[in-house]
Amino acid sequence: MNAEEKKALRAQIRVRKRAMTIEEIEERSAKLVEKFLSSDAYKNAKTVYGYLPYNQEVRTTRAMEQVLKDGKGLALPKIYGDRMDFIVVTDLSQVEKGYCGIPEPIHDEPLATDETSLVLMPGMAFDREGHRMGYGGGFYDKFLEREPNHPTLALCYEFQLLDHLDVEAHDIPVDEVIWA
């Protein structure tokens, strides 16, 4: 898939996401959070490298709250130039708008160091083999290249799940994709 095709697909998915009502987003997100919390990947994780929602993304806040309630470690992404690291948080109030308006930790430490932590992956589109098209910054691919031992999982709306996505050599697939 060339850059123009990726741009067109991202635009198409953005249009579909923006067409969703708040009720639709909340309803689908609630189903996705339930599926996530009952997944083996979540049950087996002692730490979750999660994210908080931006724009019309799956509403992950309740899932991140449950991670903390379940006594698991939680870390959220923070962008430093072209690098993304995960910062440990113990309360979701330790977050504010950061890079591109995306919620990220206020503090720069403690840096998360669990190299077997479950990484929850956002994205624009996925396919059934776990191929992923992100937002274009390559942050998750670069992170997973540095730390390749993490199990990964993605939550998406059904229209974001495609039959097939062409990928490039640097694209790292997701272990499991859950959709609703």
C-alpha atoms as a PDB file:
ATOM      1  CA  MET A   1       0.000   0.000   0.000  1.00  0.00           C
ATOM      2  CA  ASN A   2       1.573   3.283  -1.052  1.00  0.00           C
ATOM      3  CA  ALA A   3       1.425   6.561   0.876  1.00  0.00           C
ATOM      4  CA  GLU A   4      -1.533   7.859  -1.145  1.00  0.00           C
ATOM      5  CA  GLU A   5      -3.549   4.680  -0.556  1.00  0.00           C
ATOM      6  CA  LYS A   6      -2.772   4.825   3.185  1.00  0.00           C
ATOM      7  CA  LYS A   7      -3.825   8.474   3.281  1.00  0.00           C
ATOM      8  CA  ALA A   8      -7.095   7.641   1.499  1.00  0.00           C
ATOM      9  CA  LEU A   9      -7.833   4.701   3.816  1.00  0.00           C
ATOM     10  CA  ARG A  10      -7.115   6.808   6.911  1.00  0.00           C
ATOM     11  CA  ALA A  11      -9.482   9.495   5.566  1.00  0.00           C
ATOM     12  CA  GLN A  12     -12.182   6.894   4.868  1.00  0.00           C
ATOM     13  CA  ILE A  13     -11.914   5.441   8.404  1.00  0.00           C
ATOM     14  CA  ARG A  14     -11.915   8.965   9.911  1.00  0.00           C
ATOM     15  CA  VAL A  15     -15.182   9.736   8.086  1.00  0.00           C
ATOM     16  CA  ARG A  16     -16.755   6.521   9.441  1.00  0.00           C
ATOM     17  CA  LYS A  17     -15.576   7.300  12.992  1.00  0.00           C
ATOM     18  CA  ARG A  18     -16.877  10.878  12.847  1.00  0.00           C
ATOM     19  CA  ALA A  19     -20.262   9.615  11.629  1.00  0.00           C
ATOM     20  CA  MET A  20     -20.736   7.617  14.835  1.00  0.00           C
ATOM     21  CA  THR A  21     -23.013   9.103  17.476  1.00  0.00           C
ATOM     22  CA  ILE A  22     -21.796   9.482  21.064  1.00  0.00           C
ATOM     23  CA  GLU A  23     -24.267   6.722  22.020  1.00  0.00           C
ATOM     24  CA  GLU A  24     -22.812   4.399  19.361  1.00  0.00           C
ATOM     25  CA  ILE A  25     -19.259   5.080  20.531  1.00  0.00           C
ATOM     26  CA  GLU A  26     -20.220   4.451  24.170  1.00  0.00           C
ATOM     27  CA  GLU A  27     -22.212   1.293  23.374  1.00  0.00           C
ATOM     28  CA  ARG A  28     -19.515  -0.289  21.194  1.00  0.00           C
ATOM     29  CA  SER A  29     -16.789   0.787  23.616  1.00  0.00           C
ATOM     30  CA  ALA A  30     -18.611  -0.848  26.545  1.00  0.00           C
ATOM     31  CA  LYS A  31     -18.749  -4.141  24.585  1.00  0.00           C
ATOM     32  CA  LEU A  32     -15.075  -3.854  23.649  1.00  0.00           C
ATOM     33  CA  VAL A  33     -14.011  -3.115  27.229  1.00  0.00           C
ATOM     34  CA  GLU A  34     -15.947  -6.180  28.457  1.00  0.00           C
ATOM     35  CA  LYS A  35     -14.285  -8.366  25.807  1.00  0.00           C
ATOM     36  CA  PHE A  36     -10.879  -6.921  26.713  1.00  0.00           C
ATOM     37  CA  LEU A  37     -11.310  -7.461  30.464  1.00  0.00           C
ATOM     38  CA  SER A  38     -12.432 -11.067  29.924  1.00  0.00           C
ATOM     39  CA  SER A  39      -9.619 -11.873  27.454  1.00  0.00           C
ATOM     40  CA  ASP A  40      -6.842 -14.284  28.393  1.00  0.00           C
ATOM     41  CA  ALA A  41      -4.316 -11.638  27.372  1.00  0.00           C
ATOM     42  CA  TYR A  42      -5.684  -9.286  30.034  1.00  0.00           C
ATOM     43  CA  LYS A  43      -6.127 -11.983  32.677  1.00  0.00           C
ATOM     44  CA  ASN A  44      -2.516 -13.123  32.208  1.00  0.00           C
ATOM     45  CA  ALA A  45      -1.030  -9.612  32.284  1.00  0.00           C
ATOM     46  CA  LYS A  46       0.511  -8.255  35.456  1.00  0.00           C
ATOM     47  CA  THR A  47       1.043  -4.875  33.764  1.00  0.00           C
ATOM     48  CA  VAL A  48      -0.850  -3.124  30.963  1.00  0.00           C
ATOM     49  CA  TYR A  49       0.655  -0.466  28.713  1.00  0.00           C
ATOM     50  CA  GLY A  50      -2.621   1.161  27.768  1.00  0.00           C
ATOM     51  CA  TYR A  51      -3.854   4.450  26.341  1.00  0.00           C
ATOM     52  CA  LEU A  52      -6.679   6.879  26.945  1.00  0.00           C
ATOM     53  CA  PRO A  53      -9.082   7.725  24.110  1.00  0.00           C
ATOM     54  CA  TYR A  54      -8.613  10.575  21.678  1.00  0.00           C
ATOM     55  CA  ASN A  55     -11.387  11.850  19.391  1.00  0.00           C
ATOM     56  CA  GLN A  56     -13.644   8.933  18.427  1.00  0.00           C
ATOM     57  CA  GLU A  57     -11.316   6.148  19.594  1.00  0.00           C
ATOM     58  CA  VAL A  58     -12.672   3.275  21.650  1.00  0.00           C
ATOM     59  CA  ARG A  59     -13.410   4.635  25.127  1.00  0.00           C
ATOM     60  CA  THR A  60     -10.706   2.833  27.108  1.00  0.00           C
ATOM     61  CA  THR A  61     -10.959   4.883  30.310  1.00  0.00           C
ATOM     62  CA  ARG A  62     -13.126   2.326  32.137  1.00  0.00           C
ATOM     63  CA  ALA A  63     -10.701  -0.444  31.170  1.00  0.00           C
ATOM     64  CA  MET A  64      -7.727   1.567  32.445  1.00  0.00           C
ATOM     65  CA  GLU A  65      -9.592   2.227  35.725  1.00  0.00           C
ATOM     66  CA  GLN A  66     -10.246  -1.523  36.034  1.00  0.00           C
ATOM     67  CA  VAL A  67      -6.545  -2.284  35.465  1.00  0.00           C
ATOM     68  CA  LEU A  68      -5.783  -0.173  38.540  1.00  0.00           C
ATOM     69  CA  LYS A  69      -8.677  -1.684  40.572  1.00  0.00           C
ATOM     70  CA  ASP A  70      -7.418  -5.169  39.716  1.00  0.00           C
ATOM     71  CA  GLY A  71      -4.026  -4.279  41.215  1.00  0.00           C
ATOM     72  CA  LYS A  72      -2.205  -4.547  37.909  1.00  0.00           C
ATOM     73  CA  GLY A  73       0.459  -2.050  36.891  1.00  0.00           C
ATOM     74  CA  LEU A  74      -0.618   0.603  34.404  1.00  0.00           C
ATOM     75  CA  ALA A  75       1.553   2.716  32.130  1.00  0.00           C
ATOM     76  CA  LEU A  76       0.452   5.204  29.483  1.00  0.00           C
ATOM     77  CA  PRO A  77       2.349   6.460  26.424  1.00  0.00           C
ATOM     78  CA  LYS A  78       4.189   9.768  26.330  1.00  0.00           C
ATOM     79  CA  ILE A  79       5.813  11.222  23.225  1.00  0.00           C
ATOM     80  CA  TYR A  80       9.292  12.756  23.288  1.00  0.00           C
ATOM     81  CA  GLY A  81      10.105  14.022  19.788  1.00  0.00           C
ATOM     82  CA  ASP A  82       9.989  10.887  17.602  1.00  0.00           C
ATOM     83  CA  ARG A  83      10.195   8.465  20.552  1.00  0.00           C
ATOM     84  CA  MET A  84       7.382   7.034  22.654  1.00  0.00           C
ATOM     85  CA  ASP A  85       7.907   5.685  26.160  1.00  0.00           C
ATOM     86  CA  PHE A  86       5.427   4.385  28.700  1.00  0.00           C
ATOM     87  CA  ILE A  87       5.157   6.129  32.051  1.00  0.00           C
ATOM     88  CA  VAL A  88       3.710   4.395  35.131  1.00  0.00           C
ATOM     89  CA  VAL A  89       0.512   5.970  36.472  1.00  0.00           C
ATOM     90  CA  THR A  90      -1.342   5.065  39.654  1.00  0.00           C
ATOM     91  CA  ASP A  91      -4.307   7.361  39.070  1.00  0.00           C
ATOM     92  CA  LEU A  92      -5.889   8.621  35.856  1.00  0.00           C
ATOM     93  CA  SER A  93      -5.809  12.178  37.204  1.00  0.00           C
ATOM     94  CA  GLN A  94      -2.029  12.070  36.490  1.00  0.00           C
ATOM     95  CA  VAL A  95      -2.808  12.733  32.805  1.00  0.00           C
ATOM     96  CA  GLU A  96      -3.264  15.831  30.627  1.00  0.00           C
ATOM     97  CA  LYS A  97      -3.419  16.654  26.928  1.00  0.00           C
ATOM     98  CA  GLY A  98      -0.001  16.220  25.346  1.00  0.00           C
ATOM     99  CA  TYR A  99       1.299  15.443  21.850  1.00  0.00           C
ATOM    100  CA  CYS A 100      -1.404  16.368  19.278  1.00  0.00           C
ATOM    101  CA  GLY A 101      -3.905  16.797  22.133  1.00  0.00           C
ATOM    102  CA  ILE A 102      -3.660  13.106  23.047  1.00  0.00           C
ATOM    103  CA  PRO A 103      -3.938  12.335  26.793  1.00  0.00           C
ATOM    104  CA  GLU A 104      -0.550  11.431  28.262  1.00  0.00           C
ATOM    105  CA  PRO A 105       1.071  11.344  31.722  1.00  0.00           C
ATOM    106  CA  ILE A 106       1.921  14.696  33.314  1.00  0.00           C
ATOM    107  CA  HIS A 107       5.189  13.364  34.744  1.00  0.00           C
ATOM    108  CA  ASP A 108       8.215  11.909  32.932  1.00  0.00           C
ATOM    109  CA  GLU A 109       8.756   9.108  35.447  1.00  0.00           C
ATOM    110  CA  PRO A 110       8.692   6.446  36.621  1.00  0.00           C
ATOM    111  CA  LEU A 111       9.491   4.894  33.274  1.00  0.00           C
ATOM    112  CA  ALA A 112       7.708   1.549  32.815  1.00  0.00           C
ATOM    113  CA  THR A 113      10.152  -1.353  32.608  1.00  0.00           C
ATOM    114  CA  ASP A 114       8.028  -4.520  32.392  1.00  0.00           C
ATOM    115  CA  GLU A 115       9.170  -5.956  29.064  1.00  0.00           C
ATOM    116  CA  THR A 116       6.387  -8.571  29.164  1.00  0.00           C
ATOM    117  CA  SER A 117       3.582  -6.076  29.758  1.00  0.00           C
ATOM    118  CA  LEU A 118       0.462  -6.341  27.592  1.00  0.00           C
ATOM    119  CA  VAL A 119       0.479  -3.439  25.107  1.00  0.00           C
ATOM    120  CA  LEU A 120      -2.945  -2.152  24.080  1.00  0.00           C
ATOM    121  CA  MET A 121      -2.532  -0.843  20.519  1.00  0.00           C
ATOM    122  CA  PRO A 122      -4.575   1.968  18.982  1.00  0.00           C
ATOM    123  CA  GLY A 123      -4.866   2.232  15.206  1.00  0.00           C
ATOM    124  CA  MET A 124      -6.860   3.321  12.196  1.00  0.00           C
ATOM    125  CA  ALA A 125      -7.333  -0.112  10.609  1.00  0.00           C
ATOM    126  CA  PHE A 126      -6.524  -3.768  11.271  1.00  0.00           C
ATOM    127  CA  ASP A 127      -6.966  -7.060   9.502  1.00  0.00           C
ATOM    128  CA  ARG A 128      -7.707 -10.544  10.803  1.00  0.00           C
ATOM    129  CA  GLU A 129      -4.013 -11.506  10.702  1.00  0.00           C
ATOM    130  CA  GLY A 130      -3.239  -8.662  13.123  1.00  0.00           C
ATOM    131  CA  HIS A 131      -1.732  -6.294  10.572  1.00  0.00           C
ATOM    132  CA  ARG A 132      -2.186  -2.715  11.711  1.00  0.00           C
ATOM    133  CA  MET A 133      -2.228   0.700  10.143  1.00  0.00           C
ATOM    134  CA  GLY A 134      -1.621   3.371  12.772  1.00  0.00           C
ATOM    135  CA  TYR A 135      -1.980   7.105  12.569  1.00  0.00           C
ATOM    136  CA  GLY A 136       1.253   7.577  10.636  1.00  0.00           C
ATOM    137  CA  GLY A 137       3.802   8.440  13.331  1.00  0.00           C
ATOM    138  CA  GLY A 138       5.228   4.932  13.676  1.00  0.00           C
ATOM    139  CA  PHE A 139       5.501   5.319  17.459  1.00  0.00           C
ATOM    140  CA  TYR A 140       4.182   1.862  18.368  1.00  0.00           C
ATOM    141  CA  ASP A 141       6.230   0.098  15.674  1.00  0.00           C
ATOM    142  CA  LYS A 142       9.406   1.829  16.890  1.00  0.00           C
ATOM    143  CA  PHE A 143       8.575   1.018  20.513  1.00  0.00           C
ATOM    144  CA  LEU A 144       7.951  -2.667  19.740  1.00  0.00           C
ATOM    145  CA  GLU A 145      11.124  -2.822  17.673  1.00  0.00           C
ATOM    146  CA  ARG A 146      13.027  -1.719  20.810  1.00  0.00           C
ATOM    147  CA  GLU A 147      11.000  -4.021  23.102  1.00  0.00           C
ATOM    148  CA  PRO A 148       9.813  -6.973  20.997  1.00  0.00           C
ATOM    149  CA  ASN A 149       8.682  -9.346  23.783  1.00  0.00           C
ATOM    150  CA  HIS A 150       5.392  -7.639  24.627  1.00  0.00           C
ATOM    151  CA  PRO A 151       2.102  -9.403  23.920  1.00  0.00           C
ATOM    152  CA  THR A 152      -0.120  -6.966  21.986  1.00  0.00           C
ATOM    153  CA  LEU A 153      -3.856  -6.498  21.657  1.00  0.00           C
ATOM    154  CA  ALA A 154      -6.012  -3.994  19.748  1.00  0.00           C
ATOM    155  CA  LEU A 155      -9.606  -2.887  20.210  1.00  0.00           C
ATOM    156  CA  CYS A 156     -11.485  -1.543  17.197  1.00  0.00           C
ATOM    157  CA  TYR A 157     -14.899  -0.877  15.746  1.00  0.00           C
ATOM    158  CA  GLU A 158     -16.042  -3.504  13.227  1.00  0.00           C
ATOM    159  CA  PHE A 159     -15.608  -1.122  10.271  1.00  0.00           C
ATOM    160  CA  GLN A 160     -11.919  -0.750  11.176  1.00  0.00           C
ATOM    161  CA  LEU A 161     -11.391  -4.499  10.691  1.00  0.00           C
ATOM    162  CA  LEU A 162     -10.575  -5.154   7.035  1.00  0.00           C
ATOM    163  CA  ASP A 163     -10.149  -8.425   5.167  1.00  0.00           C
ATOM    164  CA  HIS A 164      -6.582  -7.555   4.254  1.00  0.00           C
ATOM    165  CA  LEU A 165      -4.092  -4.755   4.876  1.00  0.00           C
ATOM    166  CA  ASP A 166      -0.909  -4.421   2.852  1.00  0.00           C
ATOM    167  CA  VAL A 167       1.986  -3.897   5.214  1.00  0.00           C
ATOM    168  CA  GLU A 168       5.575  -2.756   5.023  1.00  0.00           C
ATOM    169  CA  ALA A 169       8.627  -4.488   6.479  1.00  0.00           C
ATOM    170  CA  HIS A 170       8.727  -2.182   9.526  1.00  0.00           C
ATOM    171  CA  ASP A 171       5.046  -2.788  10.424  1.00  0.00           C
ATOM    172  CA  ILE A 172       4.715  -5.012  13.499  1.00  0.00           C
ATOM    173  CA  PRO A 173       1.493  -7.031  13.688  1.00  0.00           C
ATOM    174  CA  VAL A 174      -0.801  -7.183  16.726  1.00  0.00           C
ATOM    175  CA  ASP A 175      -1.186 -10.566  18.458  1.00  0.00           C
ATOM    176  CA  GLU A 176      -4.952 -10.231  18.906  1.00  0.00           C
ATOM    177  CA  VAL A 177      -7.629  -7.895  17.520  1.00  0.00           C
ATOM    178  CA  ILE A 178     -10.966  -7.550  19.315  1.00  0.00           C
ATOM    179  CA  TRP A 179     -13.794  -5.754  17.514  1.00  0.00           C
ATOM    180  CA  ALA A 180     -17.442  -4.814  18.059  1.00  0.00           C
END
